[in-house]
PDB file of N, CA and C in Angstrom:
ATOM      1  N   MET A   1     -67.707 302.372  67.762  1.00  0.00           N
ATOM      2  CA  MET A   1     -68.823 301.557  68.135  1.00  0.00           C
ATOM      3  C   MET A   1     -69.366 300.049  67.298  1.00  0.00           C
ATOM      4  N   THR A   2     -69.420 299.117  68.366  1.00  0.00           N
ATOM      5  CA  THR A   2     -69.640 297.698  67.871  1.00  0.00           C
ATOM      6  C   THR A   2     -70.905 297.601  68.223  1.00  0.00           C
ATOM      7  N   GLY A   3     -71.676 296.582  67.201  1.00  0.00           N
ATOM      8  CA  GLY A   3     -72.890 295.744  66.927  1.00  0.00           C
ATOM      9  C   GLY A   3     -72.694 294.507  68.110  1.00  0.00           C
ATOM     10  N   ALA A   4     -73.987 294.152  67.920  1.00  0.00           N
ATOM     11  CA  ALA A   4     -73.705 292.950  69.441  1.00  0.00           C
ATOM     12  C   ALA A   4     -72.764 292.067  69.353  1.00  0.00           C
ATOM     13  N   SER A   5     -72.759 291.731  67.937  1.00  0.00           N
ATOM     14  CA  SER A   5     -71.307 290.000  67.749  1.00  0.00           C
ATOM     15  C   SER A   5     -70.045 290.851  67.755  1.00  0.00           C
ATOM     16  N   GLY A   6     -69.708 292.121  68.202  1.00  0.00           N
ATOM     17  CA  GLY A   6     -68.318 292.318  68.003  1.00  0.00           C
ATOM     18  C   GLY A   6     -68.008 293.267  66.924  1.00  0.00           C
ATOM     19  N   ASP A   7     -69.259 292.952  66.099  1.00  0.00           N
ATOM     20  CA  ASP A   7     -68.520 293.996  64.847  1.00  0.00           C
ATOM     21  C   ASP A   7     -68.333 295.474  64.304  1.00  0.00           C
ATOM     22  N   ILE A   8     -67.537 296.357  64.252  1.00  0.00           N
ATOM     23  CA  ILE A   8     -67.966 297.740  64.224  1.00  0.00           C
ATOM     24  C   ILE A   8     -68.664 297.849  63.560  1.00  0.00           C
ATOM     25  N   ILE A   9     -69.752 298.833  63.677  1.00  0.00           N
ATOM     26  CA  ILE A   9     -71.173 298.748  62.921  1.00  0.00           C
ATOM     27  C   ILE A   9     -70.905 300.243  61.987  1.00  0.00           C
ATOM     28  N   GLY A  10     -71.009 300.105  60.649  1.00  0.00           N
ATOM     29  CA  GLY A  10     -71.065 301.185  59.328  1.00  0.00           C
ATOM     30  C   GLY A  10     -69.840 300.368  59.128  1.00  0.00           C
ATOM     31  N   HIS A  11     -68.702 299.791  59.260  1.00  0.00           N
ATOM     32  CA  HIS A  11     -67.682 299.303  58.977  1.00  0.00           C
ATOM     33  C   HIS A  11     -68.190 298.487  57.364  1.00  0.00           C
ATOM     34  N   LYS A  12     -67.204 298.517  56.668  1.00  0.00           N
ATOM     35  CA  LYS A  12     -67.900 297.731  55.562  1.00  0.00           C
ATOM     36  C   LYS A  12     -67.110 296.809  55.075  1.00  0.00           C
ATOM     37  N   MET A  13     -67.103 295.450  54.361  1.00  0.00           N
ATOM     38  CA  MET A  13     -65.728 294.330  54.406  1.00  0.00           C
ATOM     39  C   MET A  13     -66.386 293.572  53.290  1.00  0.00           C
ATOM     40  N   ARG A  14     -64.967 293.362  52.449  1.00  0.00           N
ATOM     41  CA  ARG A  14     -65.393 293.034  51.298  1.00  0.00           C
ATOM     42  C   ARG A  14     -65.248 291.599  50.969  1.00  0.00           C
ATOM     43  N   THR A  15     -65.817 291.175  50.318  1.00  0.00           N
ATOM     44  CA  THR A  15     -65.765 289.392  50.776  1.00  0.00           C
ATOM     45  C   THR A  15     -66.664 289.122  49.028  1.00  0.00           C
ATOM     46  N   GLN A  16     -65.769 287.696  48.684  1.00  0.00           N
ATOM     47  CA  GLN A  16     -65.727 286.866  47.860  1.00  0.00           C
ATOM     48  C   GLN A  16     -67.228 285.297  47.481  1.00  0.00           C
ATOM     49  N   VAL A  17     -67.691 286.005  46.668  1.00  0.00           N
ATOM     50  CA  VAL A  17     -68.637 284.902  46.849  1.00  0.00           C
ATOM     51  C   VAL A  17     -68.954 283.882  45.174  1.00  0.00           C
ATOM     52  N   ASP A  18     -68.988 282.326  44.942  1.00  0.00           N
ATOM     53  CA  ASP A  18     -69.317 281.786  44.083  1.00  0.00           C
ATOM     54  C   ASP A  18     -70.719 282.113  44.195  1.00  0.00           C
ATOM     55  N   ILE A  19     -71.188 282.447  42.924  1.00  0.00           N
ATOM     56  CA  ILE A  19     -72.625 282.623  42.130  1.00  0.00           C
ATOM     57  C   ILE A  19     -72.803 281.796  41.026  1.00  0.00           C
ATOM     58  N   PRO A  20     -73.341 281.125  41.164  1.00  0.00           N
ATOM     59  CA  PRO A  20     -73.406 280.249  39.949  1.00  0.00           C
ATOM     60  C   PRO A  20     -73.786 280.769  38.445  1.00  0.00           C
ATOM     61  N   GLU A  21     -73.706 280.130  37.260  1.00  0.00           N
ATOM     62  CA  GLU A  21     -73.340 281.203  36.255  1.00  0.00           C
ATOM     63  C   GLU A  21     -75.114 282.048  35.921  1.00  0.00           C
ATOM     64  N   ASP A  22     -75.844 280.400  35.920  1.00  0.00           N
ATOM     65  CA  ASP A  22     -77.765 281.733  36.024  1.00  0.00           C
ATOM     66  C   ASP A  22     -77.642 282.491  36.957  1.00  0.00           C
ATOM     67  N   HIS A  23     -77.100 282.213  38.121  1.00  0.00           N
ATOM     68  CA  HIS A  23     -77.797 283.291  38.620  1.00  0.00           C
ATOM     69  C   HIS A  23     -77.107 284.736  37.823  1.00  0.00           C
ATOM     70  N   LEU A  24     -75.536 284.669  37.927  1.00  0.00           N
ATOM     71  CA  LEU A  24     -74.945 285.753  37.286  1.00  0.00           C
ATOM     72  C   LEU A  24     -75.031 286.556  36.435  1.00  0.00           C
ATOM     73  N   ALA A  25     -76.085 285.696  35.370  1.00  0.00           N
ATOM     74  CA  ALA A  25     -76.446 286.012  34.039  1.00  0.00           C
ATOM     75  C   ALA A  25     -77.804 287.000  34.802  1.00  0.00           C
ATOM     76  N   ALA A  26     -78.079 286.412  35.392  1.00  0.00           N
ATOM     77  CA  ALA A  26     -79.656 286.981  35.941  1.00  0.00           C
ATOM     78  C   ALA A  26     -79.350 288.756  36.326  1.00  0.00           C
ATOM     79  N   LEU A  27     -78.275 288.263  37.397  1.00  0.00           N
ATOM     80  CA  LEU A  27     -77.761 289.352  38.323  1.00  0.00           C
ATOM     81  C   LEU A  27     -77.149 290.768  36.941  1.00  0.00           C
ATOM     82  N   ASN A  28     -76.284 290.262  35.927  1.00  0.00           N
ATOM     83  CA  ASN A  28     -75.959 291.412  35.028  1.00  0.00           C
ATOM     84  C   ASN A  28     -77.483 292.469  34.567  1.00  0.00           C
ATOM     85  N   ALA A  29     -78.200 291.168  33.994  1.00  0.00           N
ATOM     86  CA  ALA A  29     -79.249 292.155  33.271  1.00  0.00           C
ATOM     87  C   ALA A  29     -79.978 292.626  34.197  1.00  0.00           C
ATOM     88  N   MET A  30     -80.379 292.458  35.532  1.00  0.00           N
ATOM     89  CA  MET A  30     -80.844 293.129  36.642  1.00  0.00           C
ATOM     90  C   MET A  30     -79.967 294.610  37.012  1.00  0.00           C
ATOM     91  N   ALA A  31     -79.171 294.193  36.956  1.00  0.00           N
ATOM     92  CA  ALA A  31     -77.963 295.683  37.139  1.00  0.00           C
ATOM     93  C   ALA A  31     -77.650 296.479  35.588  1.00  0.00           C
ATOM     94  N   LYS A  32     -78.394 295.832  34.886  1.00  0.00           N
ATOM     95  CA  LYS A  32     -78.188 296.495  34.018  1.00  0.00           C
ATOM     96  C   LYS A  32     -79.831 297.218  33.301  1.00  0.00           C
ATOM     97  N   ALA A  33     -80.741 296.791  33.844  1.00  0.00           N
ATOM     98  CA  ALA A  33     -82.013 297.189  33.774  1.00  0.00           C
ATOM     99  C   ALA A  33     -81.992 298.133  34.775  1.00  0.00           C
ATOM    100  N   LYS A  34     -81.273 298.499  35.861  1.00  0.00           N
ATOM    101  CA  LYS A  34     -81.915 298.907  36.877  1.00  0.00           C
ATOM    102  C   LYS A  34     -80.379 300.463  37.258  1.00  0.00           C
ATOM    103  N   GLU A  35     -79.431 300.043  36.033  1.00  0.00           N
ATOM    104  CA  GLU A  35     -78.388 301.316  36.121  1.00  0.00           C
ATOM    105  C   GLU A  35     -77.419 301.063  37.492  1.00  0.00           C
ATOM    106  N   VAL A  36     -77.270 300.271  37.894  1.00  0.00           N
ATOM    107  CA  VAL A  36     -76.352 300.176  39.033  1.00  0.00           C
ATOM    108  C   VAL A  36     -75.693 298.981  38.994  1.00  0.00           C
ATOM    109  N   SER A  37     -75.154 298.821  39.966  1.00  0.00           N
ATOM    110  CA  SER A  37     -73.698 298.075  40.046  1.00  0.00           C
ATOM    111  C   SER A  37     -74.594 296.386  40.238  1.00  0.00           C
ATOM    112  N   ARG A  38     -73.820 295.397  40.563  1.00  0.00           N
ATOM    113  CA  ARG A  38     -73.933 294.267  41.145  1.00  0.00           C
ATOM    114  C   ARG A  38     -73.991 294.102  42.119  1.00  0.00           C
ATOM    115  N   ALA A  39     -72.347 294.869  42.447  1.00  0.00           N
ATOM    116  CA  ALA A  39     -72.270 295.035  44.379  1.00  0.00           C
ATOM    117  C   ALA A  39     -73.301 295.590  44.935  1.00  0.00           C
ATOM    118  N   GLU A  40     -74.130 296.846  44.349  1.00  0.00           N
ATOM    119  CA  GLU A  40     -75.331 296.888  45.083  1.00  0.00           C
ATOM    120  C   GLU A  40     -76.310 296.691  44.971  1.00  0.00           C
ATOM    121  N   LEU A  41     -76.555 295.417  43.757  1.00  0.00           N
ATOM    122  CA  LEU A  41     -78.143 294.815  43.691  1.00  0.00           C
ATOM    123  C   LEU A  41     -77.843 293.585  45.083  1.00  0.00           C
ATOM    124  N   VAL A  42     -76.251 292.968  45.056  1.00  0.00           N
ATOM    125  CA  VAL A  42     -75.875 292.490  45.931  1.00  0.00           C
ATOM    126  C   VAL A  42     -76.268 292.925  47.814  1.00  0.00           C
ATOM    127  N   ARG A  43     -75.770 294.178  47.850  1.00  0.00           N
ATOM    128  CA  ARG A  43     -76.633 294.715  48.860  1.00  0.00           C
ATOM    129  C   ARG A  43     -77.443 294.767  49.318  1.00  0.00           C
ATOM    130  N   GLU A  44     -78.368 295.379  48.658  1.00  0.00           N
ATOM    131  CA  GLU A  44     -79.887 294.716  48.647  1.00  0.00           C
ATOM    132  C   GLU A  44     -80.311 293.742  49.226  1.00  0.00           C
ATOM    133  N   ALA A  45     -79.898 293.036  48.212  1.00  0.00           N
ATOM    134  CA  ALA A  45     -80.464 291.470  48.501  1.00  0.00           C
ATOM    135  C   ALA A  45     -79.513 291.129  50.097  1.00  0.00           C
ATOM    136  N   ILE A  46     -78.932 291.263  50.738  1.00  0.00           N
ATOM    137  CA  ILE A  46     -78.764 291.228  51.658  1.00  0.00           C
ATOM    138  C   ILE A  46     -79.354 291.671  53.000  1.00  0.00           C
ATOM    139  N   SER A  47     -79.156 292.891  52.345  1.00  0.00           N
ATOM    140  CA  SER A  47     -80.390 293.708  53.629  1.00  0.00           C
ATOM    141  C   SER A  47     -81.416 293.912  53.430  1.00  0.00           C
ATOM    142  N   GLU A  48     -82.671 293.453  52.671  1.00  0.00           N
ATOM    143  CA  GLU A  48     -84.028 292.262  52.559  1.00  0.00           C
ATOM    144  C   GLU A  48     -84.092 291.050  53.664  1.00  0.00           C
ATOM    145  N   PHE A  49     -82.492 290.013  53.162  1.00  0.00           N
ATOM    146  CA  PHE A  49     -82.607 288.654  53.773  1.00  0.00           C
ATOM    147  C   PHE A  49     -82.303 289.208  55.196  1.00  0.00           C
ATOM    148  N   VAL A  50     -81.696 290.030  55.743  1.00  0.00           N
ATOM    149  CA  VAL A  50     -81.060 289.901  56.892  1.00  0.00           C
ATOM    150  C   VAL A  50     -82.469 290.710  57.446  1.00  0.00           C
ATOM    151  N   LYS A  51     -83.321 291.643  57.267  1.00  0.00           N
ATOM    152  CA  LYS A  51     -84.564 291.988  57.384  1.00  0.00           C
ATOM    153  C   LYS A  51     -85.951 291.055  57.497  1.00  0.00           C
ATOM    154  N   LEU A  52     -85.718 290.471  57.053  1.00  0.00           N
ATOM    155  CA  LEU A  52     -86.683 288.996  56.907  1.00  0.00           C
ATOM    156  C   LEU A  52     -86.512 287.683  57.733  1.00  0.00           C
ATOM    157  N   HIS A  53     -85.476 287.667  57.762  1.00  0.00           N
ATOM    158  CA  HIS A  53     -85.081 286.410  59.403  1.00  0.00           C
ATOM    159  C   HIS A  53     -84.447 287.485  60.380  1.00  0.00           C
ATOM    160  N   ASP A  54     -84.384 288.538  60.489  1.00  0.00           N
ATOM    161  CA  ASP A  54     -83.628 288.559  61.946  1.00  0.00           C
ATOM    162  C   ASP A  54     -85.047 289.939  62.401  1.00  0.00           C
ATOM    163  N   ARG A  55     -85.904 288.866  62.695  1.00  0.00           N
ATOM    164  CA  ARG A  55     -87.354 289.477  63.278  1.00  0.00           C
ATOM    165  C   ARG A  55     -86.798 288.086  64.540  1.00  0.00           C
ATOM    166  N   PRO A  56     -88.042 288.765  65.786  1.00  0.00           N
ATOM    167  CA  PRO A  56     -88.055 288.260  66.923  1.00  0.00           C
ATOM    168  C   PRO A  56     -88.369 286.606  67.248  1.00  0.00           C
ATOM    169  N   ARG A  57     -87.749 285.684  67.806  1.00  0.00           N
ATOM    170  CA  ARG A  57     -88.248 284.535  67.553  1.00  0.00           C
ATOM    171  C   ARG A  57     -89.233 284.363  68.540  1.00  0.00           C
ATOM    172  N   THR A  58     -90.140 283.563  68.668  1.00  0.00           N
ATOM    173  CA  THR A  58     -92.017 283.569  68.860  1.00  0.00           C
ATOM    174  C   THR A  58     -91.521 283.415  70.389  1.00  0.00           C
ATOM    175  N   GLY A  59     -91.010 282.536  70.867  1.00  0.00           N
ATOM    176  CA  GLY A  59     -90.751 282.724  72.595  1.00  0.00           C
ATOM    177  C   GLY A  59     -89.739 284.490  72.735  1.00  0.00           C
ATOM    178  N   GLU A  60     -89.760 284.725  72.083  1.00  0.00           N
ATOM    179  CA  GLU A  60     -89.017 286.226  72.031  1.00  0.00           C
ATOM    180  C   GLU A  60     -89.962 287.135  72.137  1.00  0.00           C
ATOM    181  N   GLY A  61     -91.091 286.693  71.382  1.00  0.00           N
ATOM    182  CA  GLY A  61     -92.201 288.096  71.139  1.00  0.00           C
ATOM    183  C   GLY A  61     -92.783 288.124  72.773  1.00  0.00           C
ATOM    184  N   ILE A  62     -93.484 286.815  72.831  1.00  0.00           N
ATOM    185  CA  ILE A  62     -94.054 286.217  73.539  1.00  0.00           C
ATOM    186  C   ILE A  62     -93.960 286.400  75.545  1.00  0.00           C
ATOM    187  N   ALA A  63     -92.207 287.056  75.635  1.00  0.00           N
ATOM    188  CA  ALA A  63     -91.407 286.854  76.777  1.00  0.00           C
ATOM    189  C   ALA A  63     -91.566 288.473  76.556  1.00  0.00           C
ATOM    190  N   ARG A  64     -90.914 289.409  75.441  1.00  0.00           N
ATOM    191  CA  ARG A  64     -91.265 291.023  75.556  1.00  0.00           C
ATOM    192  C   ARG A  64     -93.538 291.527  75.814  1.00  0.00           C
ATOM    193  N   SER A  65     -93.591 290.674  75.878  1.00  0.00           N
ATOM    194  CA  SER A  65     -95.053 291.093  75.445  1.00  0.00           C
ATOM    195  C   SER A  65     -95.750 290.687  77.021  1.00  0.00           C
ATOM    196  N   ALA A  66     -95.104 289.560  77.702  1.00  0.00           N
ATOM    197  CA  ALA A  66     -95.596 289.329  79.310  1.00  0.00           C
ATOM    198  C   ALA A  66     -95.879 290.975  80.028  1.00  0.00           C
ATOM    199  N   GLY A  67     -96.554 290.665  80.563  1.00  0.00           N
ATOM    200  CA  GLY A  67     -96.909 291.538  81.765  1.00  0.00           C
ATOM    201  C   GLY A  67     -98.273 292.771  81.062  1.00  0.00           C
ATOM    202  N   ALA A  68     -98.385 292.819  79.549  1.00  0.00           N
ATOM    203  CA  ALA A  68     -98.841 293.612  78.714  1.00  0.00           C
ATOM    204  C   ALA A  68    -100.913 293.283  79.641  1.00  0.00           C
ATOM    205  N   TRP A  69    -100.811 292.444  80.480  1.00  0.00           N
ATOM    206  CA  TRP A  69    -102.382 292.644  81.353  1.00  0.00           C
ATOM    207  C   TRP A  69    -101.948 293.334  82.502  1.00  0.00           C
ATOM    208  N   GLY A  70    -100.688 293.865  82.818  1.00  0.00           N
ATOM    209  CA  GLY A  70    -100.340 294.216  84.207  1.00  0.00           C
ATOM    210  C   GLY A  70     -99.745 292.640  85.057  1.00  0.00           C
ATOM    211  N   ASN A  71    -100.397 293.797  86.625  1.00  0.00           N
ATOM    212  CA  ASN A  71     -99.797 292.190  87.336  1.00  0.00           C
ATOM    213  C   ASN A  71    -100.765 291.645  87.614  1.00  0.00           C
ATOM    214  N   ASP A  72    -102.238 291.490  86.652  1.00  0.00           N
ATOM    215  CA  ASP A  72    -103.245 290.956  86.821  1.00  0.00           C
ATOM    216  C   ASP A  72    -102.800 289.919  86.262  1.00  0.00           C
ATOM    217  N   PHE A  73    -102.802 288.269  87.151  1.00  0.00           N
ATOM    218  CA  PHE A  73    -102.858 286.805  86.511  1.00  0.00           C
ATOM    219  C   PHE A  73    -103.988 286.334  86.527  1.00  0.00           C
ATOM    220  N   GLU A  74    -104.608 285.949  85.559  1.00  0.00           N
ATOM    221  CA  GLU A  74    -106.065 285.232  85.476  1.00  0.00           C
ATOM    222  C   GLU A  74    -105.409 284.030  84.475  1.00  0.00           C
ATOM    223  N   ASP A  75    -106.129 283.011  84.369  1.00  0.00           N
ATOM    224  CA  ASP A  75    -105.789 281.643  84.082  1.00  0.00           C
ATOM    225  C   ASP A  75    -106.611 282.540  82.699  1.00  0.00           C
ATOM    226  N   GLY A  76    -106.035 281.300  81.580  1.00  0.00           N
ATOM    227  CA  GLY A  76    -106.989 281.380  80.507  1.00  0.00           C
ATOM    228  C   GLY A  76    -108.120 281.165  80.431  1.00  0.00           C
ATOM    229  N   LEU A  77    -108.568 279.559  80.628  1.00  0.00           N
ATOM    230  CA  LEU A  77    -109.753 279.754  80.889  1.00  0.00           C
ATOM    231  C   LEU A  77    -110.839 280.205  81.864  1.00  0.00           C
ATOM    232  N   ALA A  78    -110.124 280.576  83.019  1.00  0.00           N
ATOM    233  CA  ALA A  78    -110.964 280.995  83.839  1.00  0.00           C
ATOM    234  C   ALA A  78    -111.457 282.453  83.102  1.00  0.00           C
ATOM    235  N   TYR A  79    -110.570 282.999  82.304  1.00  0.00           N
ATOM    236  CA  TYR A  79    -110.577 284.701  81.839  1.00  0.00           C
ATOM    237  C   TYR A  79    -112.092 284.415  80.936  1.00  0.00           C
ATOM    238  N   GLN A  80    -111.880 283.087  80.036  1.00  0.00           N
ATOM    239  CA  GLN A  80    -112.913 282.560  79.028  1.00  0.00           C
ATOM    240  C   GLN A  80    -114.330 282.597  79.372  1.00  0.00           C
ATOM    241  N   LEU A  81    -114.655 281.882  80.991  1.00  0.00           N
ATOM    242  CA  LEU A  81    -115.503 281.000  81.852  1.00  0.00           C
ATOM    243  C   LEU A  81    -115.571 282.399  82.249  1.00  0.00           C
ATOM    244  N   ARG A  82    -115.203 283.479  82.780  1.00  0.00           N
ATOM    245  CA  ARG A  82    -116.152 284.556  83.308  1.00  0.00           C
ATOM    246  C   ARG A  82    -116.373 285.183  82.320  1.00  0.00           C
ATOM    247  N   LEU A  83    -116.082 285.500  80.736  1.00  0.00           N
ATOM    248  CA  LEU A  83    -116.745 286.340  80.122  1.00  0.00           C
ATOM    249  C   LEU A  83    -117.787 285.815  79.598  1.00  0.00           C
ATOM    250  N   ARG A  84    -117.639 284.613  79.187  1.00  0.00           N
ATOM    251  CA  ARG A  84    -119.085 283.962  79.042  1.00  0.00           C
ATOM    252  C   ARG A  84    -120.512 283.677  79.726  1.00  0.00           C
ATOM    253  N   ALA A  85    -120.026 283.902  81.211  1.00  0.00           N
ATOM    254  CA  ALA A  85    -120.943 283.848  81.519  1.00  0.00           C
ATOM    255  C   ALA A  85    -121.464 285.458  82.151  1.00  0.00           C
ATOM    256  N   GLU A  86    -120.566 286.538  80.715  1.00  0.00           N
ATOM    257  CA  GLU A  86    -121.452 287.785  81.097  1.00  0.00           C
ATOM    258  C   GLU A  86    -123.042 287.326  80.185  1.00  0.00           C
ATOM    259  N   TRP A  87    -122.284 286.757  79.204  1.00  0.00           N
ATOM    260  CA  TRP A  87    -123.467 286.319  78.420  1.00  0.00           C
ATOM    261  C   TRP A  87    -124.475 285.805  78.278  1.00  0.00           C
ATOM    262  N   ASP A  88    -124.555 284.787  79.799  1.00  0.00           N
ATOM    263  CA  ASP A  88    -125.678 284.352  80.399  1.00  0.00           C
ATOM    264  C   ASP A  88    -126.774 285.056  80.886  1.00  0.00           C
ATOM    265  N   ASP A  89    -125.873 285.958  81.442  1.00  0.00           N
ATOM    266  CA  ASP A  89    -126.578 287.367  81.774  1.00  0.00           C
ATOM    267  C   ASP A  89    -127.384 288.082  81.210  1.00  0.00           C
ATOM    268  N   ARG A  90    -127.626 287.954  79.748  1.00  0.00           N
ATOM    269  CA  ARG A  90    -128.738 288.800  78.804  1.00  0.00           C
ATOM    270  C   ARG A  90    -129.813 288.257  78.726  1.00  0.00           C
TER     271      ARG A  90
END
C-alpha cells in the first residue's frame, strides 16, 4: 500500500542526522530518564512535528466547509442586516 507521496505505508527508513552536541546531550539525558532509546525519542519527536504541521491550510479548511449552509447563498452583509432587522422589531 502506498501513501499520497508514493511512500510505502508502514515502511521504516533508516537515516543519519547530524545533531549538535548540546542537543545530543539533552537527548541522552531524556532517553536515560524515560528508559527508552534515543531512536524512540526521535521517532516521537518526528511524530509530534508531523501532527503539528500536517493540518489543513486555511484555504483547504474553507474549501472543505463550503456548502455548510446548504445551497442557500446569501451575501454576508445582507445576512447581518437581515438579522439586525429582527432586533428592530422588538
